[in-house]
Amino acid sequence: IKPGSKYYYPFAIGAKTGYNDESQNTLIAASKKKGKTLVLVLLKCPKSHLRYEDAILLFNEGFKSFK
């Protein structure tokens, strides 16, 4: 969410990360673009950075489907 960070996403409006043994690296995030809001939940990400990379890919694909 923070400009200048490696995984900055300009449409993000909020996110919460977490970790526990059962669900591993997790991310709950929301993003808004052109009046559409998407929410995603990622569980069992094997590496912490992958949750951010996956979120960006999923948000981009999600927004593409709203034409």
PDB file of N, CA and C in Angstrom:
ATOM      1  N   ILE A   1       0.834  -1.191   0.000  1.00  0.00           N
ATOM      2  CA  ILE A   1       0.000   0.000   0.000  1.00  0.00           C
ATOM      3  C   ILE A   1       0.872   1.245   0.000  1.00  0.00           C
ATOM      4  N   LYS A   2       2.015   1.142   0.598  1.00  0.00           N
ATOM      5  CA  LYS A   2       2.897   2.293   0.771  1.00  0.00           C
ATOM      6  C   LYS A   2       3.664   2.605  -0.523  1.00  0.00           C
ATOM      7  N   PRO A   3       3.480   3.830  -1.074  1.00  0.00           N
ATOM      8  CA  PRO A   3       4.238   4.194  -2.277  1.00  0.00           C
ATOM      9  C   PRO A   3       5.745   4.047  -2.056  1.00  0.00           C
ATOM     10  N   GLY A   4       6.412   3.551  -3.079  1.00  0.00           N
ATOM     11  CA  GLY A   4       7.845   3.361  -3.000  1.00  0.00           C
ATOM     12  C   GLY A   4       8.259   1.978  -2.527  1.00  0.00           C
ATOM     13  N   SER A   5       7.319   1.214  -1.962  1.00  0.00           N
ATOM     14  CA  SER A   5       7.679  -0.137  -1.523  1.00  0.00           C
ATOM     15  C   SER A   5       7.760  -1.058  -2.737  1.00  0.00           C
ATOM     16  N   LYS A   6       8.457  -2.154  -2.600  1.00  0.00           N
ATOM     17  CA  LYS A   6       8.680  -3.081  -3.701  1.00  0.00           C
ATOM     18  C   LYS A   6       7.369  -3.618  -4.278  1.00  0.00           C
ATOM     19  N   TYR A   7       6.381  -3.841  -3.435  1.00  0.00           N
ATOM     20  CA  TYR A   7       5.116  -4.419  -3.885  1.00  0.00           C
ATOM     21  C   TYR A   7       3.972  -3.404  -3.860  1.00  0.00           C
ATOM     22  N   TYR A   8       4.280  -2.143  -4.062  1.00  0.00           N
ATOM     23  CA  TYR A   8       3.262  -1.102  -4.075  1.00  0.00           C
ATOM     24  C   TYR A   8       2.227  -1.392  -5.158  1.00  0.00           C
ATOM     25  N   TYR A   9       0.960  -1.265  -4.788  1.00  0.00           N
ATOM     26  CA  TYR A   9      -0.143  -1.426  -5.739  1.00  0.00           C
ATOM     27  C   TYR A   9      -1.021  -0.187  -5.608  1.00  0.00           C
ATOM     28  N   PRO A  10      -1.099   0.639  -6.634  1.00  0.00           N
ATOM     29  CA  PRO A  10      -1.748   1.951  -6.498  1.00  0.00           C
ATOM     30  C   PRO A  10      -3.238   1.914  -6.188  1.00  0.00           C
ATOM     31  N   PHE A  11      -3.909   0.793  -6.415  1.00  0.00           N
ATOM     32  CA  PHE A  11      -5.345   0.719  -6.183  1.00  0.00           C
ATOM     33  C   PHE A  11      -5.700   0.060  -4.849  1.00  0.00           C
ATOM     34  N   ALA A  12      -4.711  -0.367  -4.096  1.00  0.00           N
ATOM     35  CA  ALA A  12      -4.962  -1.008  -2.799  1.00  0.00           C
ATOM     36  C   ALA A  12      -5.570  -0.002  -1.823  1.00  0.00           C
ATOM     37  N   ILE A  13      -6.561  -0.467  -1.069  1.00  0.00           N
ATOM     38  CA  ILE A  13      -7.177   0.401  -0.071  1.00  0.00           C
ATOM     39  C   ILE A  13      -6.984  -0.134   1.346  1.00  0.00           C
ATOM     40  N   GLY A  14      -6.513  -1.371   1.468  1.00  0.00           N
ATOM     41  CA  GLY A  14      -6.239  -1.912   2.797  1.00  0.00           C
ATOM     42  C   GLY A  14      -5.768  -3.350   2.706  1.00  0.00           C
ATOM     43  N   ALA A  15      -5.006  -3.771   3.697  1.00  0.00           N
ATOM     44  CA  ALA A  15      -4.499  -5.144   3.709  1.00  0.00           C
ATOM     45  C   ALA A  15      -4.106  -5.545   5.120  1.00  0.00           C
ATOM     46  N   LYS A  16      -4.168  -6.850   5.380  1.00  0.00           N
ATOM     47  CA  LYS A  16      -3.721  -7.412   6.660  1.00  0.00           C
ATOM     48  C   LYS A  16      -2.992  -8.710   6.373  1.00  0.00           C
ATOM     49  N   THR A  17      -1.772  -8.811   6.861  1.00  0.00           N
ATOM     50  CA  THR A  17      -0.985 -10.024   6.699  1.00  0.00           C
ATOM     51  C   THR A  17      -1.059 -10.852   7.971  1.00  0.00           C
ATOM     52  N   GLY A  18      -0.665 -12.117   7.857  1.00  0.00           N
ATOM     53  CA  GLY A  18      -0.628 -12.964   9.027  1.00  0.00           C
ATOM     54  C   GLY A  18       0.195 -14.208   8.760  1.00  0.00           C
ATOM     55  N   TYR A  19       0.412 -14.960   9.827  1.00  0.00           N
ATOM     56  CA  TYR A  19       1.107 -16.244   9.714  1.00  0.00           C
ATOM     57  C   TYR A  19       0.707 -17.124  10.880  1.00  0.00           C
ATOM     58  N   ASN A  20       0.440 -18.386  10.586  1.00  0.00           N
ATOM     59  CA  ASN A  20       0.361 -19.416  11.620  1.00  0.00           C
ATOM     60  C   ASN A  20       0.718 -20.741  10.969  1.00  0.00           C
ATOM     61  N   ASP A  21       0.984 -21.746  11.774  1.00  0.00           N
ATOM     62  CA  ASP A  21       1.464 -23.020  11.240  1.00  0.00           C
ATOM     63  C   ASP A  21       0.492 -23.663  10.252  1.00  0.00           C
ATOM     64  N   GLU A  22      -0.796 -23.560  10.529  1.00  0.00           N
ATOM     65  CA  GLU A  22      -1.776 -24.226   9.684  1.00  0.00           C
ATOM     66  C   GLU A  22      -1.978 -23.521   8.344  1.00  0.00           C
ATOM     67  N   SER A  23      -2.133 -22.197   8.354  1.00  0.00           N
ATOM     68  CA  SER A  23      -2.410 -21.481   7.107  1.00  0.00           C
ATOM     69  C   SER A  23      -1.187 -20.772   6.525  1.00  0.00           C
ATOM     70  N   GLN A  24      -0.060 -20.870   7.192  1.00  0.00           N
ATOM     71  CA  GLN A  24       1.210 -20.281   6.749  1.00  0.00           C
ATOM     72  C   GLN A  24       1.068 -18.776   6.503  1.00  0.00           C
ATOM     73  N   ASN A  25       1.727 -18.244   5.468  1.00  0.00           N
ATOM     74  CA  ASN A  25       1.661 -16.815   5.150  1.00  0.00           C
ATOM     75  C   ASN A  25       0.299 -16.504   4.545  1.00  0.00           C
ATOM     76  N   THR A  26      -0.370 -15.505   5.094  1.00  0.00           N
ATOM     77  CA  THR A  26      -1.708 -15.150   4.639  1.00  0.00           C
ATOM     78  C   THR A  26      -1.787 -13.665   4.296  1.00  0.00           C
ATOM     79  N   LEU A  27      -2.796 -13.329   3.513  1.00  0.00           N
ATOM     80  CA  LEU A  27      -3.049 -11.932   3.178  1.00  0.00           C
ATOM     81  C   LEU A  27      -4.535 -11.768   2.892  1.00  0.00           C
ATOM     82  N   ILE A  28      -5.112 -10.774   3.500  1.00  0.00           N
ATOM     83  CA  ILE A  28      -6.460 -10.330   3.173  1.00  0.00           C
ATOM     84  C   ILE A  28      -6.289  -8.897   2.690  1.00  0.00           C
ATOM     85  N   ALA A  29      -6.807  -8.593   1.503  1.00  0.00           N
ATOM     86  CA  ALA A  29      -6.592  -7.260   0.932  1.00  0.00           C
ATOM     87  C   ALA A  29      -7.808  -6.815   0.132  1.00  0.00           C
ATOM     88  N   ALA A  30      -7.954  -5.506   0.019  1.00  0.00           N
ATOM     89  CA  ALA A  30      -9.008  -4.909  -0.793  1.00  0.00           C
ATOM     90  C   ALA A  30      -8.388  -3.884  -1.724  1.00  0.00           C
ATOM     91  N   SER A  31      -9.008  -3.751  -2.892  1.00  0.00           N
ATOM     92  CA  SER A  31      -8.507  -2.837  -3.899  1.00  0.00           C
ATOM     93  C   SER A  31      -9.698  -2.227  -4.634  1.00  0.00           C
ATOM     94  N   LYS A  32      -9.576  -0.967  -5.020  1.00  0.00           N
ATOM     95  CA  LYS A  32     -10.665  -0.277  -5.703  1.00  0.00           C
ATOM     96  C   LYS A  32     -10.134   0.420  -6.948  1.00  0.00           C
ATOM     97  N   LYS A  33     -10.855   0.214  -8.060  1.00  0.00           N
ATOM     98  CA  LYS A  33     -10.456   0.816  -9.336  1.00  0.00           C
ATOM     99  C   LYS A  33     -11.711   1.055 -10.164  1.00  0.00           C
ATOM    100  N   LYS A  34     -11.868   2.263 -10.664  1.00  0.00           N
ATOM    101  CA  LYS A  34     -12.999   2.631 -11.520  1.00  0.00           C
ATOM    102  C   LYS A  34     -14.336   2.225 -10.912  1.00  0.00           C
ATOM    103  N   GLY A  35     -14.500   2.466  -9.631  1.00  0.00           N
ATOM    104  CA  GLY A  35     -15.762   2.197  -8.962  1.00  0.00           C
ATOM    105  C   GLY A  35     -16.012   0.752  -8.583  1.00  0.00           C
ATOM    106  N   LYS A  36     -15.097  -0.138  -8.887  1.00  0.00           N
ATOM    107  CA  LYS A  36     -15.221  -1.558  -8.534  1.00  0.00           C
ATOM    108  C   LYS A  36     -14.276  -1.874  -7.388  1.00  0.00           C
ATOM    109  N   THR A  37     -14.769  -2.613  -6.404  1.00  0.00           N
ATOM    110  CA  THR A  37     -13.952  -3.010  -5.266  1.00  0.00           C
ATOM    111  C   THR A  37     -13.807  -4.524  -5.263  1.00  0.00           C
ATOM    112  N   LEU A  38     -12.584  -4.988  -5.140  1.00  0.00           N
ATOM    113  CA  LEU A  38     -12.288  -6.415  -5.045  1.00  0.00           C
ATOM    114  C   LEU A  38     -11.673  -6.711  -3.689  1.00  0.00           C
ATOM    115  N   VAL A  39     -12.005  -7.873  -3.149  1.00  0.00           N
ATOM    116  CA  VAL A  39     -11.421  -8.340  -1.894  1.00  0.00           C
ATOM    117  C   VAL A  39     -10.842  -9.720  -2.159  1.00  0.00           C
ATOM    118  N   LEU A  40      -9.647  -9.979  -1.651  1.00  0.00           N
ATOM    119  CA  LEU A  40      -9.059 -11.306  -1.808  1.00  0.00           C
ATOM    120  C   LEU A  40      -8.519 -11.817  -0.491  1.00  0.00           C
ATOM    121  N   VAL A  41      -8.469 -13.137  -0.408  1.00  0.00           N
ATOM    122  CA  VAL A  41      -7.903 -13.825   0.745  1.00  0.00           C
ATOM    123  C   VAL A  41      -6.933 -14.865   0.205  1.00  0.00           C
ATOM    124  N   LEU A  42      -5.692 -14.799   0.638  1.00  0.00           N
ATOM    125  CA  LEU A  42      -4.671 -15.761   0.240  1.00  0.00           C
ATOM    126  C   LEU A  42      -4.209 -16.525   1.470  1.00  0.00           C
ATOM    127  N   LEU A  43      -4.180 -17.845   1.356  1.00  0.00           N
ATOM    128  CA  LEU A  43      -3.738 -18.714   2.442  1.00  0.00           C
ATOM    129  C   LEU A  43      -2.653 -19.652   1.925  1.00  0.00           C
ATOM    130  N   LYS A  44      -1.832 -20.126   2.826  1.00  0.00           N
ATOM    131  CA  LYS A  44      -0.797 -21.124   2.536  1.00  0.00           C
ATOM    132  C   LYS A  44       0.211 -20.683   1.492  1.00  0.00           C
ATOM    133  N   CYS A  45       0.592 -19.421   1.510  1.00  0.00           N
ATOM    134  CA  CYS A  45       1.668 -18.953   0.639  1.00  0.00           C
ATOM    135  C   CYS A  45       2.985 -19.441   1.237  1.00  0.00           C
ATOM    136  N   PRO A  46       3.759 -20.218   0.489  1.00  0.00           N
ATOM    137  CA  PRO A  46       4.973 -20.804   1.052  1.00  0.00           C
ATOM    138  C   PRO A  46       6.055 -19.779   1.424  1.00  0.00           C
ATOM    139  N   LYS A  47       6.092 -18.675   0.734  1.00  0.00           N
ATOM    140  CA  LYS A  47       7.053 -17.599   1.033  1.00  0.00           C
ATOM    141  C   LYS A  47       6.272 -16.302   1.212  1.00  0.00           C
ATOM    142  N   SER A  48       6.703 -15.477   2.130  1.00  0.00           N
ATOM    143  CA  SER A  48       5.925 -14.284   2.447  1.00  0.00           C
ATOM    144  C   SER A  48       5.796 -13.325   1.270  1.00  0.00           C
ATOM    145  N   HIS A  49       6.833 -13.180   0.441  1.00  0.00           N
ATOM    146  CA  HIS A  49       6.744 -12.248  -0.694  1.00  0.00           C
ATOM    147  C   HIS A  49       5.763 -12.720  -1.767  1.00  0.00           C
ATOM    148  N   LEU A  50       5.513 -14.027  -1.837  1.00  0.00           N
ATOM    149  CA  LEU A  50       4.611 -14.547  -2.858  1.00  0.00           C
ATOM    150  C   LEU A  50       3.176 -14.078  -2.657  1.00  0.00           C
ATOM    151  N   ARG A  51       2.794 -13.808  -1.415  1.00  0.00           N
ATOM    152  CA  ARG A  51       1.419 -13.344  -1.189  1.00  0.00           C
ATOM    153  C   ARG A  51       1.196 -11.983  -1.848  1.00  0.00           C
ATOM    154  N   TYR A  52       2.205 -11.132  -1.865  1.00  0.00           N
ATOM    155  CA  TYR A  52       2.070  -9.822  -2.505  1.00  0.00           C
ATOM    156  C   TYR A  52       2.074  -9.956  -4.026  1.00  0.00           C
ATOM    157  N   GLU A  53       2.959 -10.793  -4.543  1.00  0.00           N
ATOM    158  CA  GLU A  53       3.022 -11.001  -5.984  1.00  0.00           C
ATOM    159  C   GLU A  53       1.722 -11.614  -6.494  1.00  0.00           C
ATOM    160  N   ASP A  54       1.205 -12.612  -5.768  1.00  0.00           N
ATOM    161  CA  ASP A  54      -0.053 -13.246  -6.160  1.00  0.00           C
ATOM    162  C   ASP A  54      -1.217 -12.264  -6.075  1.00  0.00           C
ATOM    163  N   ALA A  55      -1.227 -11.438  -5.048  1.00  0.00           N
ATOM    164  CA  ALA A  55      -2.314 -10.459  -4.894  1.00  0.00           C
ATOM    165  C   ALA A  55      -2.341  -9.492  -6.068  1.00  0.00           C
ATOM    166  N   ILE A  56      -1.205  -9.002  -6.480  1.00  0.00           N
ATOM    167  CA  ILE A  56      -1.150  -8.075  -7.615  1.00  0.00           C
ATOM    168  C   ILE A  56      -1.666  -8.753  -8.878  1.00  0.00           C
ATOM    169  N   LEU A  57      -1.231  -9.984  -9.122  1.00  0.00           N
ATOM    170  CA  LEU A  57      -1.706 -10.713 -10.305  1.00  0.00           C
ATOM    171  C   LEU A  57      -3.217 -10.929 -10.254  1.00  0.00           C
ATOM    172  N   LEU A  58      -3.725 -11.341  -9.102  1.00  0.00           N
ATOM    173  CA  LEU A  58      -5.161 -11.596  -8.973  1.00  0.00           C
ATOM    174  C   LEU A  58      -5.988 -10.322  -9.094  1.00  0.00           C
ATOM    175  N   PHE A  59      -5.533  -9.244  -8.474  1.00  0.00           N
ATOM    176  CA  PHE A  59      -6.250  -7.985  -8.623  1.00  0.00           C
ATOM    177  C   PHE A  59      -6.273  -7.544 -10.088  1.00  0.00           C
ATOM    178  N   ASN A  60      -5.148  -7.601 -10.753  1.00  0.00           N
ATOM    179  CA  ASN A  60      -5.092  -7.196 -12.160  1.00  0.00           C
ATOM    180  C   ASN A  60      -6.043  -8.029 -13.024  1.00  0.00           C
ATOM    181  N   GLU A  61      -6.063  -9.332 -12.810  1.00  0.00           N
ATOM    182  CA  GLU A  61      -6.972 -10.202 -13.570  1.00  0.00           C
ATOM    183  C   GLU A  61      -8.423  -9.917 -13.209  1.00  0.00           C
ATOM    184  N   GLY A  62      -8.689  -9.690 -11.943  1.00  0.00           N
ATOM    185  CA  GLY A  62     -10.047  -9.378 -11.507  1.00  0.00           C
ATOM    186  C   GLY A  62     -10.572  -8.104 -12.126  1.00  0.00           C
ATOM    187  N   PHE A  63      -9.761  -7.072 -12.158  1.00  0.00           N
ATOM    188  CA  PHE A  63     -10.198  -5.812 -12.754  1.00  0.00           C
ATOM    189  C   PHE A  63     -10.366  -5.937 -14.259  1.00  0.00           C
ATOM    190  N   LYS A  64      -9.579  -6.781 -14.902  1.00  0.00           N
ATOM    191  CA  LYS A  64      -9.737  -6.999 -16.345  1.00  0.00           C
ATOM    192  C   LYS A  64     -11.102  -7.588 -16.666  1.00  0.00           C
ATOM    193  N   SER A  65     -11.630  -8.408 -15.767  1.00  0.00           N
ATOM    194  CA  SER A  65     -12.909  -9.071 -16.041  1.00  0.00           C
ATOM    195  C   SER A  65     -14.097  -8.121 -15.914  1.00  0.00           C
ATOM    196  N   PHE A  66     -13.911  -6.947 -15.301  1.00  0.00           N
ATOM    197  CA  PHE A  66     -14.968  -5.936 -15.209  1.00  0.00           C
ATOM    198  C   PHE A  66     -14.779  -4.932 -16.326  1.00  0.00           C
ATOM    199  N   LYS A  67     -15.481  -5.129 -17.419  1.00  0.00           N
ATOM    200  CA  LYS A  67     -15.341  -4.202 -18.553  1.00  0.00           C
ATOM    201  C   LYS A  67     -16.574  -3.379 -18.729  1.00  0.00           C
TER     202      LYS A  67
END
